[in-house]
Amino acid sequence: MNHRNDHPILALDPGLQDLGYAVLLKRRLLDHGVLQLRGRARSGRLRRVEEALGFWIRAYRPRTLVIEHLPRRPLDAIGGLPALGRLLRRMARAQHLKLHAYSPKAVRQVVVGDGWAGKREVAQAVSGQFPELRVHLTQDRKWKERYWQNMYDAAALAIHHQLIIKPPSRSR
């Protein structure tokens, strides 16, 4: 029997400074982290994301790519997020991945139970499911906390996707 949750899910929290990623298989976190993009020209950032995405696809063979919803049109002239979104959609099509995009509010509602929850609450909820991530909760610098929040957001996207695609079974 071939269920959707029998294959890894690759989840990305796209950003231009840092890109959070998480790979989930059922209830196991296979890989997680933050891809640093800061300090690179826009084309270099996109190339780095393309290389990393290719690596994750070869390494884990996901059938699903989950991302945070990105605007298709620029909100600011130099933002670059629409270009990143186009790259991710193009690679998903080329690799025959099912692409799902969710709003941050929808993810927070499912994962935390509050669509208006902050990033700290998301990180705590994700760490509750994956205790190995607790080490990143307490940081000595604000920038480190913001850095790791990218990874927590990616894991939250994957959790959200799993829960809405295949809700937990009810016990009798």
Foldseek 3Di string as FASTA:
>chain_A
DDDLLQAKEWFWEDAQQKIWIWIDRNLDTPDTFIDGRPPDDLVSSLVSVVVVVVVCCVVRVHQAYEYADFDCDDPDDPRSRNVSVVSVVVVCVVSNHHYHHHHQLLLCCVQQVGSPDDLLSLQVSLCVSVVVSVVQNDDPDPVSVVRCSNNSSRSSRVVSVVCVVDNDDDDD
